[in-house]
Protein backbone atom coordinates (compact mmCIF):
# COMPACT_ATOMS: atom_id res chain seq x y z
CA MET A 1 92.17 -18.27 -7.22
CA ARG A 2 89.67 -15.32 -7.08
CA ALA A 3 90.64 -12.31 -5.12
CA LEU A 4 88.12 -9.62 -4.13
CA VAL A 5 90.27 -6.30 -3.50
CA THR A 6 88.55 -3.50 -1.82
CA GLY A 7 90.00 0.17 -2.43
CA ALA A 8 91.81 -1.54 -5.57
CA ASN A 9 92.23 1.73 -7.27
CA GLY A 10 94.27 3.29 -4.26
CA PHE A 11 98.03 3.58 -3.94
CA LEU A 12 98.46 0.21 -2.26
CA GLY A 13 95.31 -1.15 -3.92
CA THR A 14 96.74 -0.81 -7.59
CA ALA A 15 100.09 -2.38 -6.71
CA VAL A 16 98.36 -5.32 -4.47
CA VAL A 17 96.21 -5.92 -7.80
CA ARG A 18 99.16 -6.30 -9.86
CA ALA A 19 101.22 -8.41 -7.76
CA LEU A 20 98.20 -10.90 -7.43
CA LEU A 21 98.05 -11.25 -11.12
CA ALA A 22 101.74 -11.72 -11.24
CA HIS A 23 101.24 -14.48 -8.79
CA GLY A 24 98.82 -16.07 -11.26
CA HIS A 25 95.55 -14.99 -9.50
CA THR A 26 92.32 -13.51 -10.94
CA VAL A 27 91.02 -10.24 -9.15
CA ARG A 28 87.54 -8.67 -8.60
CA ALA A 29 88.06 -5.05 -7.90
CA LEU A 30 85.81 -3.04 -5.78
CA VAL A 31 86.08 0.51 -5.94
CA ARG A 32 83.75 3.74 -5.05
CA PRO A 33 81.22 4.76 -7.48
CA VAL A 34 83.30 7.76 -8.94
CA ALA A 35 86.70 6.26 -8.57
CA ASP A 36 88.92 6.36 -11.50
CA ALA A 37 89.65 2.91 -12.52
CA SER A 38 91.85 3.81 -15.49
CA GLU A 39 95.10 2.06 -13.90
CA LEU A 40 92.87 -1.15 -13.44
CA ASP A 41 91.75 -1.06 -17.24
CA ARG A 42 95.39 -0.60 -18.00
CA MET A 43 96.45 -3.84 -16.36
CA GLY A 44 93.59 -5.65 -17.79
CA VAL A 45 91.24 -5.85 -14.99
CA THR A 46 87.82 -5.98 -16.27
CA ASP A 47 85.72 -7.50 -13.49
CA ILE A 48 84.88 -3.92 -11.43
CA VAL A 49 82.40 -3.61 -8.78
CA ARG A 50 81.57 -0.03 -7.96
CA ALA A 51 80.10 0.17 -4.67
CA ASP A 52 80.17 2.53 -1.47
CA LEU A 53 80.67 0.29 1.35
CA ARG A 54 78.78 2.52 3.44
CA THR A 55 75.44 2.34 1.56
CA ALA A 56 75.79 -0.43 -1.23
CA ARG A 57 72.90 -3.18 -0.75
CA ASP A 58 74.21 -5.62 -3.27
CA LEU A 59 77.45 -6.51 -1.69
CA PRO A 60 76.90 -10.32 -1.33
CA ALA A 61 77.11 -10.22 -5.29
CA ALA A 62 80.50 -9.12 -4.82
CA PHE A 63 81.62 -12.36 -3.24
CA GLU A 64 80.30 -14.66 -6.09
CA ASP A 65 82.82 -17.08 -7.06
CA VAL A 66 85.53 -15.40 -4.70
CA ASP A 67 88.17 -17.45 -2.95
CA VAL A 68 89.69 -14.75 -0.64
CA LEU A 69 88.82 -11.19 0.40
CA VAL A 70 91.81 -8.61 0.23
CA HIS A 71 90.40 -5.91 2.37
CA LEU A 72 92.47 -2.68 1.65
CA ALA A 73 89.89 0.00 1.71
CA ALA A 74 90.34 2.65 4.61
CA ALA A 75 89.52 6.42 5.02
CA PHE A 76 91.69 9.23 6.02
CA GLY A 77 89.74 12.27 6.56
CA ARG A 78 89.09 13.06 10.37
CA ALA A 79 85.40 12.87 9.80
CA GLU A 80 85.29 10.16 7.50
CA ALA A 81 87.44 7.91 8.80
CA PHE A 82 85.41 5.82 11.49
CA PRO A 83 82.19 5.34 9.46
CA ALA A 84 83.83 4.50 6.37
CA THR A 85 86.62 2.37 7.67
CA VAL A 86 84.85 0.73 10.42
CA GLY A 87 81.34 0.73 9.25
CA GLY A 88 82.36 -0.09 5.77
CA THR A 89 83.92 -3.03 7.29
CA GLU A 90 80.97 -4.19 9.34
CA ARG A 91 78.69 -3.95 6.28
CA LEU A 92 81.34 -5.78 4.00
CA LEU A 93 81.85 -8.71 6.58
CA ASP A 94 78.11 -9.01 7.09
CA ALA A 95 77.65 -9.44 3.08
CA MET A 96 80.50 -12.11 3.07
CA ARG A 97 78.64 -14.21 5.62
CA GLY A 98 76.74 -17.03 3.83
CA THR A 99 78.96 -16.81 0.83
CA ASP A 100 81.66 -19.78 -0.31
CA CYS A 101 84.43 -16.82 0.63
CA GLY A 102 86.11 -18.10 3.76
CA ARG A 103 89.48 -16.26 3.60
CA VAL A 104 90.33 -12.53 4.83
CA VAL A 105 93.62 -10.54 4.33
CA LEU A 106 93.26 -7.28 6.41
CA ALA A 107 95.47 -4.18 5.62
CA SER A 108 96.14 -2.94 9.21
CA THR A 109 98.95 -0.40 10.11
CA PHE A 110 101.76 0.18 12.39
CA SER A 111 99.30 2.87 14.07
CA VAL A 112 97.57 0.21 16.19
CA TYR A 113 100.68 -0.29 18.18
CA ASP A 114 100.88 1.56 21.85
CA TRP A 115 104.05 3.37 21.00
CA SER A 116 104.60 4.56 24.44
CA SER A 117 104.61 1.09 25.81
CA VAL A 118 106.92 -0.02 22.95
CA THR A 119 110.87 0.08 23.77
CA GLY A 120 113.56 -1.61 21.97
CA THR A 121 112.30 -3.56 18.82
CA LEU A 122 108.70 -3.22 17.69
CA ASP A 123 107.54 -6.38 16.14
CA GLU A 124 104.40 -8.63 16.20
CA THR A 125 104.43 -9.21 19.85
CA SER A 126 104.26 -5.54 20.81
CA PRO A 127 101.14 -4.30 22.63
CA VAL A 128 98.63 -2.90 20.48
CA THR A 129 96.23 0.12 21.76
CA GLU A 130 93.25 -1.28 23.39
CA PRO A 131 90.02 0.55 21.73
CA SER A 132 89.05 2.05 25.33
CA ALA A 133 92.60 3.83 25.45
CA LEU A 134 92.76 5.26 22.00
CA TYR A 135 92.28 9.00 23.01
CA GLY A 136 94.95 11.47 21.45
CA ARG A 137 96.02 8.88 18.51
CA GLY A 138 93.79 10.55 15.74
CA GLY A 139 91.32 9.53 13.49
CA TYR A 140 93.02 7.33 11.29
CA ALA A 141 94.83 5.10 14.26
CA ILE A 142 91.36 5.12 16.06
CA SER A 143 89.39 3.82 13.06
CA LYS A 144 92.33 1.15 11.87
CA THR A 145 92.62 -0.29 15.36
CA TRP A 146 88.73 -0.48 15.52
CA GLN A 147 88.80 -2.11 12.02
CA GLU A 148 91.31 -4.88 12.97
CA THR A 149 89.26 -5.77 16.40
CA VAL A 150 85.99 -5.98 14.42
CA THR A 151 87.60 -8.20 11.56
CA ARG A 152 88.92 -10.53 14.03
CA ARG A 153 85.55 -10.71 15.95
CA TYR A 154 83.78 -11.45 12.48
CA ALA A 155 86.93 -14.03 11.52
CA ALA A 156 86.55 -15.91 15.13
CA GLU A 157 82.70 -15.91 14.87
CA ASN A 158 82.44 -17.29 11.17
CA GLY A 159 85.44 -19.47 11.23
CA TRP A 160 87.32 -17.63 8.53
CA GLU A 161 90.99 -17.99 7.77
CA LEU A 162 92.27 -14.27 8.41
CA VAL A 163 95.77 -12.99 7.95
CA VAL A 164 96.61 -9.50 9.44
CA LEU A 165 99.32 -7.37 7.55
CA ARG A 166 100.45 -4.43 9.31
CA PRO A 167 102.80 -2.31 7.06
CA GLY A 168 104.93 0.51 8.13
CA PHE A 169 105.25 3.67 6.21
CA ILE A 170 104.46 3.01 2.67
CA TRP A 171 106.54 4.53 0.15
CA GLY A 172 106.93 4.69 -3.62
CA ARG A 173 106.67 7.18 -6.61
CA GLY A 174 104.39 10.26 -5.57
CA HIS A 175 104.38 9.00 -1.69
CA THR A 176 107.89 10.08 0.08
CA ASP A 177 106.87 12.62 2.34
CA LEU A 178 106.67 10.69 5.42
CA ALA A 179 105.58 11.69 8.81
CA ALA A 180 108.45 10.59 10.31
CA PHE A 181 110.47 13.54 8.74
CA GLY A 182 109.46 15.84 11.52
CA GLN A 183 107.94 19.27 11.09
CA ARG A 184 108.60 21.86 8.28
CA LEU A 185 108.62 25.44 9.19
CA GLY A 186 108.78 27.31 5.80
CA PRO A 187 111.97 26.65 4.27
CA VAL A 188 113.32 24.82 7.36
CA GLN A 189 112.71 21.03 8.18
CA VAL A 190 112.90 20.29 11.80
CA VAL A 191 114.28 16.55 11.87
CA ILE A 192 113.50 15.12 15.29
CA GLY A 193 115.67 12.30 16.09
CA PRO A 194 117.59 12.10 12.90
CA CYS A 195 119.50 8.90 13.72
CA GLY A 196 116.60 7.15 14.36
CA ARG A 197 114.96 4.62 11.67
CA ILE A 198 111.84 4.62 9.82
CA PRO A 199 109.63 1.48 9.62
CA MET A 200 109.59 1.60 6.01
CA THR A 201 108.15 -0.66 3.14
CA HIS A 202 108.22 0.06 -0.63
CA ILE A 203 104.98 -0.25 -2.33
CA ASP A 204 106.16 -3.03 -4.60
CA ASN A 205 107.63 -4.90 -1.87
CA CYS A 206 104.55 -4.50 0.30
CA ALA A 207 102.28 -5.81 -2.39
CA ASP A 208 104.11 -8.92 -2.59
CA LEU A 209 103.72 -9.99 0.76
CA PHE A 210 100.01 -9.15 0.32
CA ALA A 211 99.67 -11.61 -2.90
CA LEU A 212 101.74 -13.93 -0.64
CA GLY A 213 99.66 -13.80 2.22
CA ALA A 214 96.32 -14.38 0.10
CA ASP A 215 96.89 -18.06 -0.75
CA ASP A 216 99.79 -19.07 1.67
CA GLN A 217 98.23 -21.36 3.76
CA ARG A 218 101.39 -20.88 6.33
CA ALA A 219 100.08 -17.05 7.03
CA THR A 220 96.26 -18.47 8.03
CA GLY A 221 95.91 -16.80 11.62
CA GLU A 222 99.10 -14.96 11.72
CA THR A 223 99.62 -11.30 11.94
CA PHE A 224 102.83 -9.86 10.14
CA ASN A 225 104.59 -6.69 10.22
CA VAL A 226 105.60 -5.15 6.79
CA VAL A 227 108.68 -3.18 6.63
CA ASP A 228 111.55 -4.16 4.11
CA GLY A 229 113.89 -4.39 6.61
CA ALA A 230 115.83 -2.34 9.72
CA GLY A 231 114.75 1.04 7.97
CA GLU A 232 116.57 3.69 6.75
CA ARG A 233 117.92 6.58 9.22
CA ILE A 234 115.46 9.63 9.18
CA TRP A 235 118.19 11.95 8.02
CA THR A 236 119.23 9.74 5.24
CA PHE A 237 115.67 9.17 3.64
CA LEU A 238 114.91 12.72 3.88
CA GLY A 239 118.10 13.67 1.88
CA GLU A 240 116.86 11.19 -0.62
CA HIS A 241 113.27 12.59 -0.74
CA LEU A 242 114.50 16.29 -1.05
CA ARG A 243 116.99 15.53 -3.80
CA GLY A 244 114.55 12.99 -5.73
CA GLU A 245 111.95 15.82 -5.60
CA GLY A 246 114.21 18.66 -6.30
CA ILE A 247 113.26 20.46 -3.04
CA ARG A 248 115.81 22.95 -1.58
CA ARG A 249 115.06 22.90 2.77
CA LEU A 250 117.44 23.43 5.28
CA ARG A 251 117.52 20.45 7.50
CA VAL A 252 117.80 21.37 11.31
CA PRO A 253 118.55 18.10 13.64
CA LEU A 254 117.05 17.98 17.04
CA PRO A 255 117.53 15.14 19.77
CA TYR A 256 114.15 13.19 20.23
CA ARG A 257 114.18 12.83 23.88
CA PRO A 258 114.26 16.55 24.92
CA VAL A 259 111.90 17.42 22.31
CA TYR A 260 109.49 14.81 23.62
CA GLY A 261 109.76 16.22 26.98
CA VAL A 262 108.81 19.80 25.70
CA VAL A 263 105.83 18.21 23.91
CA ARG A 264 104.69 16.02 26.98
CA PHE A 265 105.16 19.08 29.31
CA LEU A 266 103.25 21.52 27.04
CA PHE A 267 100.41 18.98 26.55
CA ASP A 268 100.26 18.17 30.22
CA ASN A 269 100.46 21.63 31.75
CA VAL A 270 99.78 24.35 28.90
CA LEU A 271 97.73 23.02 26.14
CA GLY A 272 95.34 20.48 27.45
CA ARG A 273 93.70 17.81 25.56
CA ASN A 274 92.54 19.64 22.61
CA ASP A 275 91.50 17.68 19.94
CA GLU A 276 92.27 20.44 17.12
CA LEU A 277 95.95 20.35 18.07
CA PRO A 278 98.32 19.27 15.38
CA SER A 279 99.89 15.88 15.77
CA ILE A 280 103.26 16.58 16.70
CA LEU A 281 101.99 18.45 20.03
CA VAL A 282 100.10 15.37 21.10
CA PRO A 283 102.83 12.90 22.97
CA ALA A 284 101.05 9.54 21.57
CA GLN A 285 100.95 10.82 17.92
CA PHE A 286 104.24 12.63 18.22
CA GLU A 287 105.65 8.87 19.47
CA ALA A 288 103.80 7.18 16.78
CA ARG A 289 105.78 9.46 14.11
CA MET A 290 109.24 9.44 15.26
CA LYS A 291 109.83 7.42 18.54
CA PRO A 292 113.69 5.88 17.92
CA LEU A 293 113.09 2.11 17.80
CA ARG A 294 114.05 -0.90 15.96
CA PHE A 295 112.35 -2.78 13.26
CA THR A 296 111.96 -6.27 11.87
CA ASN A 297 110.56 -8.38 9.27
CA ARG A 298 112.01 -11.46 10.71
CA LYS A 299 108.38 -13.32 11.27
CA ALA A 300 107.37 -13.19 7.75
CA ARG A 301 111.07 -14.35 6.70
CA GLN A 302 111.15 -17.31 8.86
CA LEU A 303 107.31 -18.13 8.46
CA LEU A 304 106.65 -17.71 5.10
CA GLY A 305 110.15 -17.66 3.54
CA TRP A 306 109.68 -14.00 2.31
CA GLU A 307 112.23 -11.45 1.13
CA PRO A 308 111.53 -8.26 -0.14
CA PRO A 309 111.94 -8.54 -3.94
CA LEU A 310 113.42 -5.11 -4.49
CA ASP A 311 116.41 -3.92 -2.54
CA TYR A 312 116.89 -0.25 -1.56
CA ARG A 313 118.55 0.67 -4.27
CA GLU A 314 116.10 -0.71 -6.93
CA CYS A 315 113.19 1.05 -4.73
CA LEU A 316 114.90 4.46 -5.05
CA ARG A 317 115.46 4.05 -8.84
CA ARG A 318 111.66 2.71 -9.20
CA THR A 319 110.59 5.95 -7.06
CA TRP A 320 112.58 8.70 -8.73
CA GLY A 321 114.13 7.22 -11.77
CA ALA A 322 112.22 6.71 -15.17
CA PRO A 323 108.67 5.19 -14.82
CA VAL A 324 108.71 1.17 -14.62
CA GLY A 325 106.52 -0.53 -16.94
């Protein structure tokens, strides 16, 4: 099987490419014109297409002899997120029309969920935020929600096989400073709801499920949350992060509900709906970072027989131990 992987040089992209190769597939990597593709070179990927999804005119050629599109590309900056993530996806899927490629694996995110409406366990049946109700969710959540909506529409219109994977917080070497940690104030880290769990997936475990979803017909038409399990407690993993990075910082725990109450009051009565507010002062974003819920990968386990290949201790070793490979 040949996979066209967008965003192939990114943190998730390089891991997914590596996993696809390990599963015996061939890869065509799509990266931006000025992107550093040295890691792809080291993996032996020679089929590299350089294109900006917002402007490239020859995108249909990228789908030649491709069996599956693994769409990982997305932008994070506030100004760039919507035109690059949503507009770029529309242009990419327009190019896919009329080609022999009929399967899409989309990297979505936990950010699409309506965290305010979820209680107990967040799973694939939890409500997502409707595009009309996205105010206050931040540029990334807005663009990814629209990207998933657009991709589902294209897949339905064209009869494509679609697999949607929604990772939680993806972590690994160089990527362990998670938004769930709370708020840093100089040498102090305010940890909100320290006993809450983080919906985490290590980069190598996450990539393994993407590779499985690319060709396993049992995944067709399904949506999967990508987490390694119930998740580590915020306080515990923050401690691992500080030790691993050699950071000295005082951790101050605060209970979630009273702090959320203060944020809600300030937002409704004092601060107002200001697009420039930091995310910790916007209730919808505050909840998406730190609301104490339970998380599960039960659906991927039961439907696909998937088990995260790395346990937590091995993930820690790969993140802060000697480099692997």
